[in-house]
Amino acid sequence: MNKILVALVSGLFAAGVFAAASAPAAAKVEAKAEAKAAPAKAMPAADKASAAAKKAAKKAADKASAAK
């Protein structure tokens, strides 16, 4: 009887260890799927201003090179 009880307890322990080890992998798969499905986040205001400044600088440089 003791051997059966030991086998059951060790089997439950092994199942718990296996479930805990495979849980992070499943979370990574869900996170990847969620990232693909989520729409792109809006750019922060500072990034928008920086992008606008870069566009303006490029436009001015193009105008200057076209005027030569």
C-alpha atoms as a PDB file:
ATOM      1  CA  MET A   1       0.000   0.000   0.000  1.00  0.00           C
ATOM      2  CA  ASN A   2       2.839   2.392   0.847  1.00  0.00           C
ATOM      3  CA  LYS A   3       4.497   1.777  -2.530  1.00  0.00           C
ATOM      4  CA  ILE A   4       1.265   2.639  -4.344  1.00  0.00           C
ATOM      5  CA  LEU A   5       0.865   5.807  -2.295  1.00  0.00           C
ATOM      6  CA  VAL A   6       4.474   6.827  -3.005  1.00  0.00           C
ATOM      7  CA  ALA A   7       3.967   6.179  -6.723  1.00  0.00           C
ATOM      8  CA  LEU A   8       0.791   8.309  -6.784  1.00  0.00           C
ATOM      9  CA  VAL A   9       2.382  11.205  -4.903  1.00  0.00           C
ATOM     10  CA  SER A  10       5.518  11.159  -7.048  1.00  0.00           C
ATOM     11  CA  GLY A  11       3.363  10.988 -10.192  1.00  0.00           C
ATOM     12  CA  LEU A  12       1.390  14.042  -9.096  1.00  0.00           C
ATOM     13  CA  PHE A  13       4.628  15.857  -8.303  1.00  0.00           C
ATOM     14  CA  ALA A  14       6.034  15.026 -11.754  1.00  0.00           C
ATOM     15  CA  ALA A  15       2.816  16.218 -13.428  1.00  0.00           C
ATOM     16  CA  GLY A  16       3.001  19.492 -11.516  1.00  0.00           C
ATOM     17  CA  VAL A  17       6.620  20.055 -12.519  1.00  0.00           C
ATOM     18  CA  PHE A  18       5.811  19.318 -16.153  1.00  0.00           C
ATOM     19  CA  ALA A  19       2.847  21.718 -16.139  1.00  0.00           C
ATOM     20  CA  ALA A  20       4.922  24.481 -14.556  1.00  0.00           C
ATOM     21  CA  ALA A  21       7.728  24.002 -17.069  1.00  0.00           C
ATOM     22  CA  SER A  22       5.438  24.134 -20.106  1.00  0.00           C
ATOM     23  CA  ALA A  23       3.398  27.151 -18.932  1.00  0.00           C
ATOM     24  CA  PRO A  24       5.950  29.864 -19.921  1.00  0.00           C
ATOM     25  CA  ALA A  25       6.215  28.457 -23.449  1.00  0.00           C
ATOM     26  CA  ALA A  26       2.460  28.637 -23.867  1.00  0.00           C
ATOM     27  CA  ALA A  27       2.462  32.218 -22.583  1.00  0.00           C
ATOM     28  CA  LYS A  28       5.089  33.196 -25.181  1.00  0.00           C
ATOM     29  CA  VAL A  29       2.980  31.731 -28.003  1.00  0.00           C
ATOM     30  CA  GLU A  30      -0.074  33.651 -26.777  1.00  0.00           C
ATOM     31  CA  ALA A  31       1.937  36.870 -26.491  1.00  0.00           C
ATOM     32  CA  LYS A  32       3.207  36.534 -30.077  1.00  0.00           C
ATOM     33  CA  ALA A  33      -0.297  35.922 -31.401  1.00  0.00           C
ATOM     34  CA  GLU A  34      -1.614  38.871 -29.405  1.00  0.00           C
ATOM     35  CA  ALA A  35       1.136  41.143 -30.716  1.00  0.00           C
ATOM     36  CA  LYS A  36       0.308  40.231 -34.310  1.00  0.00           C
ATOM     37  CA  ALA A  37      -3.404  40.867 -33.778  1.00  0.00           C
ATOM     38  CA  ALA A  38      -2.969  44.174 -31.930  1.00  0.00           C
ATOM     39  CA  PRO A  39      -2.986  47.347 -34.026  1.00  0.00           C
ATOM     40  CA  ALA A  40       0.118  49.508 -34.075  1.00  0.00           C
ATOM     41  CA  LYS A  41       0.318  51.945 -31.193  1.00  0.00           C
ATOM     42  CA  ALA A  42       0.195  55.649 -31.887  1.00  0.00           C
ATOM     43  CA  MET A  43       3.487  57.520 -31.954  1.00  0.00           C
ATOM     44  CA  PRO A  44       4.199  59.675 -28.900  1.00  0.00           C
ATOM     45  CA  ALA A  45       4.012  63.414 -29.475  1.00  0.00           C
ATOM     46  CA  ALA A  46       7.789  63.836 -29.213  1.00  0.00           C
ATOM     47  CA  ASP A  47       8.357  61.245 -31.936  1.00  0.00           C
ATOM     48  CA  LYS A  48       5.762  62.911 -34.162  1.00  0.00           C
ATOM     49  CA  ALA A  49       7.468  66.286 -33.735  1.00  0.00           C
ATOM     50  CA  SER A  50      10.860  64.744 -34.474  1.00  0.00           C
ATOM     51  CA  ALA A  51       9.517  63.058 -37.606  1.00  0.00           C
ATOM     52  CA  ALA A  52       7.954  66.343 -38.752  1.00  0.00           C
ATOM     53  CA  ALA A  53      11.231  68.199 -38.169  1.00  0.00           C
ATOM     54  CA  LYS A  54      13.139  65.596 -40.199  1.00  0.00           C
ATOM     55  CA  LYS A  55      10.649  65.918 -43.057  1.00  0.00           C
ATOM     56  CA  ALA A  56      10.939  69.715 -43.013  1.00  0.00           C
ATOM     57  CA  ALA A  57      14.745  69.553 -43.015  1.00  0.00           C
ATOM     58  CA  LYS A  58      14.743  67.125 -45.921  1.00  0.00           C
ATOM     59  CA  LYS A  59      12.303  69.316 -47.840  1.00  0.00           C
ATOM     60  CA  ALA A  60      14.503  72.378 -47.278  1.00  0.00           C
ATOM     61  CA  ALA A  61      17.586  70.460 -48.388  1.00  0.00           C
ATOM     62  CA  ASP A  62      15.796  69.274 -51.519  1.00  0.00           C
ATOM     63  CA  LYS A  63      14.725  72.860 -52.303  1.00  0.00           C
ATOM     64  CA  ALA A  64      18.260  74.133 -51.802  1.00  0.00           C
ATOM     65  CA  SER A  65      19.752  71.481 -54.065  1.00  0.00           C
ATOM     66  CA  ALA A  66      17.075  72.107 -56.735  1.00  0.00           C
ATOM     67  CA  ALA A  67      17.770  75.866 -56.683  1.00  0.00           C
ATOM     68  CA  LYS A  68      21.467  75.372 -57.497  1.00  0.00           C
END
